[in-house]
Amino acid sequence: MKNLVGILFAVLVIYVIYFDLTVGTLPSSAVTQEEAVKTTIQKPTVDLPSFQATVKPGQTVISIVEHELGKSLPVSITDLINDFKILNPGKSPEKIQIGSTYHFPDYGKLR
């Protein structure tokens, strides 16, 4: 019985090694940290006034914009989300990451 368990374990280990080397366990579109920083810092090509900020723990898009303004939002949350998506193509405001830098709409310069 011990021999059977040993053989099955060895087959499992060999299969796992084979799978890891051929298919892999990491996503194939892994982006280096340097490339990620370059893509988040690029200046958007729109005429919407904006400021750049690095996300800290506990912050949301709304809290960052309100902190910059020093008051509550002068626009709807839907407008804020749309403006954030325009300023950061391909980025979702619900999935901002701590330590990443994004462009946020500066509503203080609009009004």
PDB file of N, CA and C in Angstrom:
ATOM      1  N   MET A   1       0.818  -1.195   0.000  1.00  0.00           N
ATOM      2  CA  MET A   1       0.000   0.000   0.000  1.00  0.00           C
ATOM      3  C   MET A   1       0.865   1.264   0.000  1.00  0.00           C
ATOM      4  N   LYS A   2       1.971   1.257   0.774  1.00  0.00           N
ATOM      5  CA  LYS A   2       2.853   2.414   0.816  1.00  0.00           C
ATOM      6  C   LYS A   2       3.483   2.651  -0.558  1.00  0.00           C
ATOM      7  N   ASN A   3       3.796   1.583  -1.265  1.00  0.00           N
ATOM      8  CA  ASN A   3       4.385   1.718  -2.599  1.00  0.00           C
ATOM      9  C   ASN A   3       3.404   2.374  -3.564  1.00  0.00           C
ATOM     10  N   LEU A   4       2.136   2.016  -3.487  1.00  0.00           N
ATOM     11  CA  LEU A   4       1.116   2.578  -4.365  1.00  0.00           C
ATOM     12  C   LEU A   4       0.948   4.076  -4.104  1.00  0.00           C
ATOM     13  N   VAL A   5       0.901   4.471  -2.837  1.00  0.00           N
ATOM     14  CA  VAL A   5       0.783   5.885  -2.479  1.00  0.00           C
ATOM     15  C   VAL A   5       2.017   6.638  -2.961  1.00  0.00           C
ATOM     16  N   GLY A   6       3.186   6.070  -2.807  1.00  0.00           N
ATOM     17  CA  GLY A   6       4.423   6.702  -3.259  1.00  0.00           C
ATOM     18  C   GLY A   6       4.445   6.892  -4.765  1.00  0.00           C
ATOM     19  N   ILE A   7       3.986   5.883  -5.497  1.00  0.00           N
ATOM     20  CA  ILE A   7       3.957   5.972  -6.962  1.00  0.00           C
ATOM     21  C   ILE A   7       2.951   7.030  -7.406  1.00  0.00           C
ATOM     22  N   LEU A   8       1.768   7.057  -6.806  1.00  0.00           N
ATOM     23  CA  LEU A   8       0.758   8.063  -7.152  1.00  0.00           C
ATOM     24  C   LEU A   8       1.249   9.477  -6.842  1.00  0.00           C
ATOM     25  N   PHE A   9       1.930   9.634  -5.721  1.00  0.00           N
ATOM     26  CA  PHE A   9       2.486  10.937  -5.357  1.00  0.00           C
ATOM     27  C   PHE A   9       3.546  11.370  -6.366  1.00  0.00           C
ATOM     28  N   ALA A  10       4.408  10.453  -6.776  1.00  0.00           N
ATOM     29  CA  ALA A  10       5.459  10.760  -7.756  1.00  0.00           C
ATOM     30  C   ALA A  10       4.833  11.155  -9.098  1.00  0.00           C
ATOM     31  N   VAL A  11       3.781  10.454  -9.522  1.00  0.00           N
ATOM     32  CA  VAL A  11       3.097  10.788 -10.772  1.00  0.00           C
ATOM     33  C   VAL A  11       2.482  12.183 -10.671  1.00  0.00           C
ATOM     34  N   LEU A  12       1.877  12.486  -9.546  1.00  0.00           N
ATOM     35  CA  LEU A  12       1.279  13.801  -9.338  1.00  0.00           C
ATOM     36  C   LEU A  12       2.341  14.903  -9.415  1.00  0.00           C
ATOM     37  N   VAL A  13       3.467  14.702  -8.758  1.00  0.00           N
ATOM     38  CA  VAL A  13       4.545  15.692  -8.770  1.00  0.00           C
ATOM     39  C   VAL A  13       5.070  15.889 -10.190  1.00  0.00           C
ATOM     40  N   ILE A  14       5.252  14.820 -10.925  1.00  0.00           N
ATOM     41  CA  ILE A  14       5.738  14.912 -12.303  1.00  0.00           C
ATOM     42  C   ILE A  14       4.731  15.658 -13.177  1.00  0.00           C
ATOM     43  N   TYR A  15       3.435  15.364 -12.997  1.00  0.00           N
ATOM     44  CA  TYR A  15       2.398  16.057 -13.766  1.00  0.00           C
ATOM     45  C   TYR A  15       2.387  17.556 -13.449  1.00  0.00           C
ATOM     46  N   VAL A  16       2.489  17.909 -12.186  1.00  0.00           N
ATOM     47  CA  VAL A  16       2.476  19.322 -11.788  1.00  0.00           C
ATOM     48  C   VAL A  16       3.677  20.050 -12.394  1.00  0.00           C
ATOM     49  N   ILE A  17       4.839  19.438 -12.355  1.00  0.00           N
ATOM     50  CA  ILE A  17       6.032  20.051 -12.946  1.00  0.00           C
ATOM     51  C   ILE A  17       5.859  20.209 -14.457  1.00  0.00           C
ATOM     52  N   TYR A  18       5.342  19.183 -15.131  1.00  0.00           N
ATOM     53  CA  TYR A  18       5.110  19.242 -16.567  1.00  0.00           C
ATOM     54  C   TYR A  18       4.117  20.360 -16.908  1.00  0.00           C
ATOM     55  N   PHE A  19       3.020  20.442 -16.164  1.00  0.00           N
ATOM     56  CA  PHE A  19       2.011  21.473 -16.407  1.00  0.00           C
ATOM     57  C   PHE A  19       2.591  22.864 -16.209  1.00  0.00           C
ATOM     58  N   ASP A  20       3.377  23.050 -15.160  1.00  0.00           N
ATOM     59  CA  ASP A  20       3.969  24.344 -14.865  1.00  0.00           C
ATOM     60  C   ASP A  20       4.936  24.772 -15.961  1.00  0.00           C
ATOM     61  N   LEU A  21       5.708  23.840 -16.492  1.00  0.00           N
ATOM     62  CA  LEU A  21       6.691  24.181 -17.524  1.00  0.00           C
ATOM     63  C   LEU A  21       6.062  24.396 -18.900  1.00  0.00           C
ATOM     64  N   THR A  22       4.993  23.701 -19.213  1.00  0.00           N
ATOM     65  CA  THR A  22       4.390  23.828 -20.543  1.00  0.00           C
ATOM     66  C   THR A  22       3.325  24.914 -20.599  1.00  0.00           C
ATOM     67  N   VAL A  23       2.356  24.863 -19.719  1.00  0.00           N
ATOM     68  CA  VAL A  23       1.255  25.831 -19.726  1.00  0.00           C
ATOM     69  C   VAL A  23       1.587  27.024 -18.845  1.00  0.00           C
ATOM     70  N   GLY A  24       2.119  26.772 -17.691  1.00  0.00           N
ATOM     71  CA  GLY A  24       2.464  27.834 -16.756  1.00  0.00           C
ATOM     72  C   GLY A  24       1.311  28.183 -15.846  1.00  0.00           C
ATOM     73  N   THR A  25       1.629  28.869 -14.769  1.00  0.00           N
ATOM     74  CA  THR A  25       0.599  29.264 -13.818  1.00  0.00           C
ATOM     75  C   THR A  25       0.451  30.779 -13.744  1.00  0.00           C
ATOM     76  N   LEU A  26       1.341  31.528 -14.399  1.00  0.00           N
ATOM     77  CA  LEU A  26       1.239  32.979 -14.424  1.00  0.00           C
ATOM     78  C   LEU A  26       0.537  33.414 -15.701  1.00  0.00           C
ATOM     79  N   PRO A  27      -0.176  34.523 -15.660  1.00  0.00           N
ATOM     80  CA  PRO A  27      -0.836  34.996 -16.881  1.00  0.00           C
ATOM     81  C   PRO A  27       0.205  35.370 -17.938  1.00  0.00           C
ATOM     82  N   SER A  28      -0.099  35.098 -19.184  1.00  0.00           N
ATOM     83  CA  SER A  28       0.852  35.363 -20.252  1.00  0.00           C
ATOM     84  C   SER A  28       0.984  36.845 -20.558  1.00  0.00           C
ATOM     85  N   SER A  29       0.003  37.653 -20.158  1.00  0.00           N
ATOM     86  CA  SER A  29       0.067  39.085 -20.420  1.00  0.00           C
ATOM     87  C   SER A  29       0.571  39.851 -19.208  1.00  0.00           C
ATOM     88  N   ALA A  30       1.504  39.258 -18.488  1.00  0.00           N
ATOM     89  CA  ALA A  30       2.048  39.925 -17.314  1.00  0.00           C
ATOM     90  C   ALA A  30       2.813  41.169 -17.739  1.00  0.00           C
ATOM     91  N   VAL A  31       2.499  42.290 -17.109  1.00  0.00           N
ATOM     92  CA  VAL A  31       3.134  43.558 -17.427  1.00  0.00           C
ATOM     93  C   VAL A  31       4.151  43.856 -16.344  1.00  0.00           C
ATOM     94  N   THR A  32       5.326  44.301 -16.768  1.00  0.00           N
ATOM     95  CA  THR A  32       6.337  44.643 -15.775  1.00  0.00           C
ATOM     96  C   THR A  32       5.905  45.890 -15.028  1.00  0.00           C
ATOM     97  N   GLN A  33       6.455  46.087 -13.865  1.00  0.00           N
ATOM     98  CA  GLN A  33       6.075  47.230 -13.046  1.00  0.00           C
ATOM     99  C   GLN A  33       6.450  48.537 -13.742  1.00  0.00           C
ATOM    100  N   GLU A  34       7.567  48.543 -14.461  1.00  0.00           N
ATOM    101  CA  GLU A  34       7.992  49.737 -15.168  1.00  0.00           C
ATOM    102  C   GLU A  34       6.992  50.122 -16.254  1.00  0.00           C
ATOM    103  N   GLU A  35       6.501  49.139 -17.011  1.00  0.00           N
ATOM    104  CA  GLU A  35       5.518  49.408 -18.052  1.00  0.00           C
ATOM    105  C   GLU A  35       4.214  49.903 -17.458  1.00  0.00           C
ATOM    106  N   ALA A  36       3.827  49.359 -16.316  1.00  0.00           N
ATOM    107  CA  ALA A  36       2.590  49.788 -15.664  1.00  0.00           C
ATOM    108  C   ALA A  36       2.689  51.240 -15.223  1.00  0.00           C
ATOM    109  N   VAL A  37       3.842  51.645 -14.713  1.00  0.00           N
ATOM    110  CA  VAL A  37       4.031  53.030 -14.280  1.00  0.00           C
ATOM    111  C   VAL A  37       3.986  53.960 -15.486  1.00  0.00           C
ATOM    112  N   LYS A  38       4.581  53.575 -16.600  1.00  0.00           N
ATOM    113  CA  LYS A  38       4.571  54.410 -17.800  1.00  0.00           C
ATOM    114  C   LYS A  38       3.163  54.623 -18.313  1.00  0.00           C
ATOM    115  N   THR A  39       2.338  53.601 -18.265  1.00  0.00           N
ATOM    116  CA  THR A  39       0.983  53.734 -18.790  1.00  0.00           C
ATOM    117  C   THR A  39       0.088  54.555 -17.879  1.00  0.00           C
ATOM    118  N   THR A  40       0.317  54.550 -16.581  1.00  0.00           N
ATOM    119  CA  THR A  40      -0.554  55.309 -15.685  1.00  0.00           C
ATOM    120  C   THR A  40      -0.154  56.776 -15.592  1.00  0.00           C
ATOM    121  N   ILE A  41       1.067  57.121 -15.961  1.00  0.00           N
ATOM    122  CA  ILE A  41       1.524  58.499 -15.811  1.00  0.00           C
ATOM    123  C   ILE A  41       1.357  59.306 -17.102  1.00  0.00           C
ATOM    124  N   GLN A  42       1.024  58.673 -18.204  1.00  0.00           N
ATOM    125  CA  GLN A  42       0.864  59.388 -19.459  1.00  0.00           C
ATOM    126  C   GLN A  42      -0.243  60.424 -19.351  1.00  0.00           C
ATOM    127  N   LYS A  43       0.012  61.604 -19.893  1.00  0.00           N
ATOM    128  CA  LYS A  43      -0.960  62.687 -19.860  1.00  0.00           C
ATOM    129  C   LYS A  43      -2.085  62.402 -20.844  1.00  0.00           C
ATOM    130  N   PRO A  44      -3.335  62.518 -20.411  1.00  0.00           N
ATOM    131  CA  PRO A  44      -4.439  62.274 -21.317  1.00  0.00           C
ATOM    132  C   PRO A  44      -4.509  63.356 -22.406  1.00  0.00           C
ATOM    133  N   THR A  45      -5.131  63.019 -23.526  1.00  0.00           N
ATOM    134  CA  THR A  45      -5.205  63.945 -24.649  1.00  0.00           C
ATOM    135  C   THR A  45      -6.591  64.573 -24.755  1.00  0.00           C
ATOM    136  N   VAL A  46      -7.177  64.962 -23.648  1.00  0.00           N
ATOM    137  CA  VAL A  46      -8.478  65.624 -23.634  1.00  0.00           C
ATOM    138  C   VAL A  46      -8.317  66.998 -22.992  1.00  0.00           C
ATOM    139  N   ASP A  47      -9.322  67.855 -23.196  1.00  0.00           N
ATOM    140  CA  ASP A  47      -9.249  69.219 -22.671  1.00  0.00           C
ATOM    141  C   ASP A  47      -9.904  69.366 -21.303  1.00  0.00           C
ATOM    142  N   LEU A  48     -10.158  68.284 -20.642  1.00  0.00           N
ATOM    143  CA  LEU A  48     -10.773  68.306 -19.326  1.00  0.00           C
ATOM    144  C   LEU A  48      -9.703  68.637 -18.292  1.00  0.00           C
ATOM    145  N   PRO A  49      -9.897  69.693 -17.484  1.00  0.00           N
ATOM    146  CA  PRO A  49      -8.897  70.006 -16.460  1.00  0.00           C
ATOM    147  C   PRO A  49      -8.740  68.828 -15.500  1.00  0.00           C
ATOM    148  N   SER A  50      -7.490  68.533 -15.150  1.00  0.00           N
ATOM    149  CA  SER A  50      -7.261  67.385 -14.278  1.00  0.00           C
ATOM    150  C   SER A  50      -6.055  67.624 -13.386  1.00  0.00           C
ATOM    151  N   PHE A  51      -5.970  66.807 -12.359  1.00  0.00           N
ATOM    152  CA  PHE A  51      -4.789  66.771 -11.511  1.00  0.00           C
ATOM    153  C   PHE A  51      -4.387  65.325 -11.346  1.00  0.00           C
ATOM    154  N   GLN A  52      -3.128  65.138 -10.997  1.00  0.00           N
ATOM    155  CA  GLN A  52      -2.581  63.787 -10.856  1.00  0.00           C
ATOM    156  C   GLN A  52      -2.424  63.491  -9.365  1.00  0.00           C
ATOM    157  N   ALA A  53      -2.803  62.280  -8.961  1.00  0.00           N
ATOM    158  CA  ALA A  53      -2.677  61.894  -7.556  1.00  0.00           C
ATOM    159  C   ALA A  53      -2.375  60.411  -7.456  1.00  0.00           C
ATOM    160  N   THR A  54      -1.628  60.066  -6.419  1.00  0.00           N
ATOM    161  CA  THR A  54      -1.323  58.675  -6.122  1.00  0.00           C
ATOM    162  C   THR A  54      -2.305  58.186  -5.068  1.00  0.00           C
ATOM    163  N   VAL A  55      -2.879  57.032  -5.300  1.00  0.00           N
ATOM    164  CA  VAL A  55      -3.916  56.484  -4.418  1.00  0.00           C
ATOM    165  C   VAL A  55      -3.282  55.935  -3.146  1.00  0.00           C
ATOM    166  N   LYS A  56      -3.855  56.326  -2.011  1.00  0.00           N
ATOM    167  CA  LYS A  56      -3.417  55.837  -0.702  1.00  0.00           C
ATOM    168  C   LYS A  56      -4.467  54.869  -0.165  1.00  0.00           C
ATOM    169  N   PRO A  57      -4.109  54.049   0.814  1.00  0.00           N
ATOM    170  CA  PRO A  57      -5.083  53.091   1.366  1.00  0.00           C
ATOM    171  C   PRO A  57      -6.351  53.788   1.869  1.00  0.00           C
ATOM    172  N   GLY A  58      -7.489  53.226   1.521  1.00  0.00           N
ATOM    173  CA  GLY A  58      -8.770  53.740   1.985  1.00  0.00           C
ATOM    174  C   GLY A  58      -9.373  54.820   1.105  1.00  0.00           C
ATOM    175  N   GLN A  59      -8.646  55.274   0.090  1.00  0.00           N
ATOM    176  CA  GLN A  59      -9.161  56.331  -0.759  1.00  0.00           C
ATOM    177  C   GLN A  59      -9.980  55.770  -1.918  1.00  0.00           C
ATOM    178  N   THR A  60     -10.954  56.559  -2.341  1.00  0.00           N
ATOM    179  CA  THR A  60     -11.748  56.242  -3.526  1.00  0.00           C
ATOM    180  C   THR A  60     -11.636  57.425  -4.477  1.00  0.00           C
ATOM    181  N   VAL A  61     -12.152  57.272  -5.676  1.00  0.00           N
ATOM    182  CA  VAL A  61     -12.120  58.374  -6.637  1.00  0.00           C
ATOM    183  C   VAL A  61     -12.874  59.571  -6.065  1.00  0.00           C
ATOM    184  N   ILE A  62     -14.016  59.320  -5.458  1.00  0.00           N
ATOM    185  CA  ILE A  62     -14.815  60.408  -4.886  1.00  0.00           C
ATOM    186  C   ILE A  62     -14.053  61.119  -3.770  1.00  0.00           C
ATOM    187  N   SER A  63     -13.457  60.357  -2.863  1.00  0.00           N
ATOM    188  CA  SER A  63     -12.763  60.985  -1.733  1.00  0.00           C
ATOM    189  C   SER A  63     -11.539  61.779  -2.186  1.00  0.00           C
ATOM    190  N   ILE A  64     -10.850  61.312  -3.215  1.00  0.00           N
ATOM    191  CA  ILE A  64      -9.679  62.033  -3.712  1.00  0.00           C
ATOM    192  C   ILE A  64     -10.102  63.360  -4.336  1.00  0.00           C
ATOM    193  N   VAL A  65     -11.153  63.343  -5.154  1.00  0.00           N
ATOM    194  CA  VAL A  65     -11.615  64.575  -5.798  1.00  0.00           C
ATOM    195  C   VAL A  65     -12.172  65.540  -4.760  1.00  0.00           C
ATOM    196  N   GLU A  66     -12.955  65.055  -3.809  1.00  0.00           N
ATOM    197  CA  GLU A  66     -13.495  65.930  -2.766  1.00  0.00           C
ATOM    198  C   GLU A  66     -12.389  66.527  -1.907  1.00  0.00           C
ATOM    199  N   HIS A  67     -11.358  65.757  -1.620  1.00  0.00           N
ATOM    200  CA  HIS A  67     -10.231  66.271  -0.831  1.00  0.00           C
ATOM    201  C   HIS A  67      -9.517  67.387  -1.592  1.00  0.00           C
ATOM    202  N   GLU A  68      -9.337  67.215  -2.881  1.00  0.00           N
ATOM    203  CA  GLU A  68      -8.676  68.233  -3.698  1.00  0.00           C
ATOM    204  C   GLU A  68      -9.519  69.511  -3.769  1.00  0.00           C
ATOM    205  N   LEU A  69     -10.847  69.343  -3.895  1.00  0.00           N
ATOM    206  CA  LEU A  69     -11.740  70.498  -3.969  1.00  0.00           C
ATOM    207  C   LEU A  69     -11.916  71.191  -2.620  1.00  0.00           C
ATOM    208  N   GLY A  70     -11.885  70.406  -1.562  1.00  0.00           N
ATOM    209  CA  GLY A  70     -12.146  70.950  -0.234  1.00  0.00           C
ATOM    210  C   GLY A  70     -13.626  71.071   0.060  1.00  0.00           C
ATOM    211  N   LYS A  71     -14.452  70.480  -0.764  1.00  0.00           N
ATOM    212  CA  LYS A  71     -15.904  70.488  -0.567  1.00  0.00           C
ATOM    213  C   LYS A  71     -16.496  69.280  -1.278  1.00  0.00           C
ATOM    214  N   SER A  72     -17.823  69.142  -1.213  1.00  0.00           N
ATOM    215  CA  SER A  72     -18.464  67.997  -1.871  1.00  0.00           C
ATOM    216  C   SER A  72     -18.465  68.179  -3.388  1.00  0.00           C
ATOM    217  N   LEU A  73     -18.773  67.114  -4.093  1.00  0.00           N
ATOM    218  CA  LEU A  73     -18.745  67.122  -5.557  1.00  0.00           C
ATOM    219  C   LEU A  73     -19.769  68.096  -6.137  1.00  0.00           C
ATOM    220  N   PRO A  74     -19.367  68.932  -7.109  1.00  0.00           N
ATOM    221  CA  PRO A  74     -20.322  69.821  -7.772  1.00  0.00           C
ATOM    222  C   PRO A  74     -21.033  69.147  -8.948  1.00  0.00           C
ATOM    223  N   VAL A  75     -20.683  67.890  -9.238  1.00  0.00           N
ATOM    224  CA  VAL A  75     -21.288  67.138 -10.350  1.00  0.00           C
ATOM    225  C   VAL A  75     -21.826  65.820  -9.807  1.00  0.00           C
ATOM    226  N   SER A  76     -22.569  65.122 -10.643  1.00  0.00           N
ATOM    227  CA  SER A  76     -23.092  63.821 -10.213  1.00  0.00           C
ATOM    228  C   SER A  76     -21.977  62.778 -10.212  1.00  0.00           C
ATOM    229  N   ILE A  77     -22.203  61.699  -9.497  1.00  0.00           N
ATOM    230  CA  ILE A  77     -21.224  60.616  -9.439  1.00  0.00           C
ATOM    231  C   ILE A  77     -21.055  59.979 -10.815  1.00  0.00           C
ATOM    232  N   THR A  78     -22.132  59.914 -11.586  1.00  0.00           N
ATOM    233  CA  THR A  78     -22.055  59.373 -12.943  1.00  0.00           C
ATOM    234  C   THR A  78     -21.113  60.208 -13.810  1.00  0.00           C
ATOM    235  N   ASP A  79     -21.219  61.544 -13.703  1.00  0.00           N
ATOM    236  CA  ASP A  79     -20.315  62.421 -14.459  1.00  0.00           C
ATOM    237  C   ASP A  79     -18.869  62.230 -14.012  1.00  0.00           C
ATOM    238  N   LEU A  80     -18.661  62.086 -12.715  1.00  0.00           N
ATOM    239  CA  LEU A  80     -17.316  61.859 -12.191  1.00  0.00           C
ATOM    240  C   LEU A  80     -16.731  60.565 -12.749  1.00  0.00           C
ATOM    241  N   ILE A  81     -17.513  59.515 -12.756  1.00  0.00           N
ATOM    242  CA  ILE A  81     -17.046  58.221 -13.277  1.00  0.00           C
ATOM    243  C   ILE A  81     -16.710  58.332 -14.761  1.00  0.00           C
ATOM    244  N   ASN A  82     -17.576  58.982 -15.533  1.00  0.00           N
ATOM    245  CA  ASN A  82     -17.324  59.146 -16.966  1.00  0.00           C
ATOM    246  C   ASN A  82     -16.069  59.977 -17.226  1.00  0.00           C
ATOM    247  N   ASP A  83     -15.893  61.063 -16.467  1.00  0.00           N
ATOM    248  CA  ASP A  83     -14.702  61.902 -16.628  1.00  0.00           C
ATOM    249  C   ASP A  83     -13.434  61.138 -16.245  1.00  0.00           C
ATOM    250  N   PHE A  84     -13.501  60.337 -15.187  1.00  0.00           N
ATOM    251  CA  PHE A  84     -12.343  59.537 -14.789  1.00  0.00           C
ATOM    252  C   PHE A  84     -11.972  58.564 -15.897  1.00  0.00           C
ATOM    253  N   LYS A  85     -12.972  57.926 -16.508  1.00  0.00           N
ATOM    254  CA  LYS A  85     -12.710  56.974 -17.596  1.00  0.00           C
ATOM    255  C   LYS A  85     -12.125  57.669 -18.819  1.00  0.00           C
ATOM    256  N   ILE A  86     -12.539  58.912 -19.079  1.00  0.00           N
ATOM    257  CA  ILE A  86     -11.972  59.674 -20.196  1.00  0.00           C
ATOM    258  C   ILE A  86     -10.512  60.010 -19.926  1.00  0.00           C
ATOM    259  N   LEU A  87     -10.212  60.413 -18.704  1.00  0.00           N
ATOM    260  CA  LEU A  87      -8.846  60.795 -18.343  1.00  0.00           C
ATOM    261  C   LEU A  87      -7.914  59.595 -18.218  1.00  0.00           C
ATOM    262  N   ASN A  88      -8.457  58.429 -17.911  1.00  0.00           N
ATOM    263  CA  ASN A  88      -7.661  57.212 -17.719  1.00  0.00           C
ATOM    264  C   ASN A  88      -8.243  56.095 -18.585  1.00  0.00           C
ATOM    265  N   PRO A  89      -7.963  56.118 -19.890  1.00  0.00           N
ATOM    266  CA  PRO A  89      -8.547  55.104 -20.773  1.00  0.00           C
ATOM    267  C   PRO A  89      -8.186  53.688 -20.332  1.00  0.00           C
ATOM    268  N   GLY A  90      -9.189  52.842 -20.301  1.00  0.00           N
ATOM    269  CA  GLY A  90      -8.976  51.446 -19.938  1.00  0.00           C
ATOM    270  C   GLY A  90      -8.925  51.187 -18.441  1.00  0.00           C
ATOM    271  N   LYS A  91      -9.069  52.219 -17.629  1.00  0.00           N
ATOM    272  CA  LYS A  91      -9.041  52.061 -16.173  1.00  0.00           C
ATOM    273  C   LYS A  91     -10.445  52.217 -15.616  1.00  0.00           C
ATOM    274  N   SER A  92     -10.775  51.380 -14.664  1.00  0.00           N
ATOM    275  CA  SER A  92     -12.081  51.437 -14.031  1.00  0.00           C
ATOM    276  C   SER A  92     -11.954  52.139 -12.673  1.00  0.00           C
ATOM    277  N   PRO A  93     -12.823  53.116 -12.379  1.00  0.00           N
ATOM    278  CA  PRO A  93     -12.723  53.810 -11.096  1.00  0.00           C
ATOM    279  C   PRO A  93     -12.995  52.896  -9.903  1.00  0.00           C
ATOM    280  N   GLU A  94     -13.684  51.788 -10.138  1.00  0.00           N
ATOM    281  CA  GLU A  94     -13.954  50.845  -9.057  1.00  0.00           C
ATOM    282  C   GLU A  94     -12.738  49.992  -8.733  1.00  0.00           C
ATOM    283  N   LYS A  95     -11.760  49.971  -9.618  1.00  0.00           N
ATOM    284  CA  LYS A  95     -10.607  49.082  -9.448  1.00  0.00           C
ATOM    285  C   LYS A  95      -9.286  49.842  -9.374  1.00  0.00           C
ATOM    286  N   ILE A  96      -9.300  51.058  -8.827  1.00  0.00           N
ATOM    287  CA  ILE A  96      -8.034  51.772  -8.678  1.00  0.00           C
ATOM    288  C   ILE A  96      -7.176  51.048  -7.647  1.00  0.00           C
ATOM    289  N   GLN A  97      -5.865  51.111  -7.846  1.00  0.00           N
ATOM    290  CA  GLN A  97      -4.947  50.357  -6.995  1.00  0.00           C
ATOM    291  C   GLN A  97      -4.125  51.287  -6.118  1.00  0.00           C
ATOM    292  N   ILE A  98      -3.903  50.862  -4.892  1.00  0.00           N
ATOM    293  CA  ILE A  98      -3.105  51.620  -3.945  1.00  0.00           C
ATOM    294  C   ILE A  98      -1.688  51.759  -4.496  1.00  0.00           C
ATOM    295  N   GLY A  99      -1.144  52.971  -4.443  1.00  0.00           N
ATOM    296  CA  GLY A  99       0.209  53.228  -4.915  1.00  0.00           C
ATOM    297  C   GLY A  99       0.287  53.594  -6.386  1.00  0.00           C
ATOM    298  N   SER A 100      -0.803  53.432  -7.128  1.00  0.00           N
ATOM    299  CA  SER A 100      -0.817  53.797  -8.539  1.00  0.00           C
ATOM    300  C   SER A 100      -1.205  55.264  -8.693  1.00  0.00           C
ATOM    301  N   THR A 101      -0.736  55.876  -9.772  1.00  0.00           N
ATOM    302  CA  THR A 101      -1.018  57.279 -10.040  1.00  0.00           C
ATOM    303  C   THR A 101      -2.035  57.372 -11.169  1.00  0.00           C
ATOM    304  N   TYR A 102      -3.038  58.209 -10.972  1.00  0.00           N
ATOM    305  CA  TYR A 102      -4.096  58.401 -11.952  1.00  0.00           C
ATOM    306  C   TYR A 102      -4.352  59.891 -12.135  1.00  0.00           C
ATOM    307  N   HIS A 103      -5.072  60.230 -13.217  1.00  0.00           N
ATOM    308  CA  HIS A 103      -5.538  61.592 -13.442  1.00  0.00           C
ATOM    309  C   HIS A 103      -6.981  61.663 -12.969  1.00  0.00           C
ATOM    310  N   PHE A 104      -7.288  62.719 -12.226  1.00  0.00           N
ATOM    311  CA  PHE A 104      -8.632  62.920 -11.702  1.00  0.00           C
ATOM    312  C   PHE A 104      -9.162  64.245 -12.231  1.00  0.00           C
ATOM    313  N   PRO A 105     -10.464  64.339 -12.519  1.00  0.00           N
ATOM    314  CA  PRO A 105     -11.022  65.599 -13.017  1.00  0.00           C
ATOM    315  C   PRO A 105     -10.950  66.679 -11.947  1.00  0.00           C
ATOM    316  N   ASP A 106     -10.543  67.879 -12.372  1.00  0.00           N
ATOM    317  CA  ASP A 106     -10.403  69.010 -11.451  1.00  0.00           C
ATOM    318  C   ASP A 106     -11.592  69.945 -11.669  1.00  0.00           C
ATOM    319  N   TYR A 107     -12.648  69.731 -10.905  1.00  0.00           N
ATOM    320  CA  TYR A 107     -13.859  70.527 -11.057  1.00  0.00           C
ATOM    321  C   TYR A 107     -13.716  71.931 -10.470  1.00  0.00           C
ATOM    322  N   GLY A 108     -12.688  72.183  -9.731  1.00  0.00           N
ATOM    323  CA  GLY A 108     -12.440  73.526  -9.208  1.00  0.00           C
ATOM    324  C   GLY A 108     -12.075  74.503 -10.318  1.00  0.00           C
ATOM    325  N   LYS A 109     -11.499  74.023 -11.402  1.00  0.00           N
ATOM    326  CA  LYS A 109     -11.108  74.868 -12.523  1.00  0.00           C
ATOM    327  C   LYS A 109     -12.226  75.049 -13.527  1.00  0.00           C
ATOM    328  N   LEU A 110     -13.279  74.249 -13.436  1.00  0.00           N
ATOM    329  CA  LEU A 110     -14.393  74.354 -14.376  1.00  0.00           C
ATOM    330  C   LEU A 110     -15.361  75.445 -13.989  1.00  0.00           C
ATOM    331  N   ARG A 111     -15.541  75.664 -12.713  1.00  0.00           N
ATOM    332  CA  ARG A 111     -16.592  76.580 -12.252  1.00  0.00           C
ATOM    333  C   ARG A 111     -16.009  77.772 -11.565  1.00  0.00           C
TER     334      ARG A 111
END
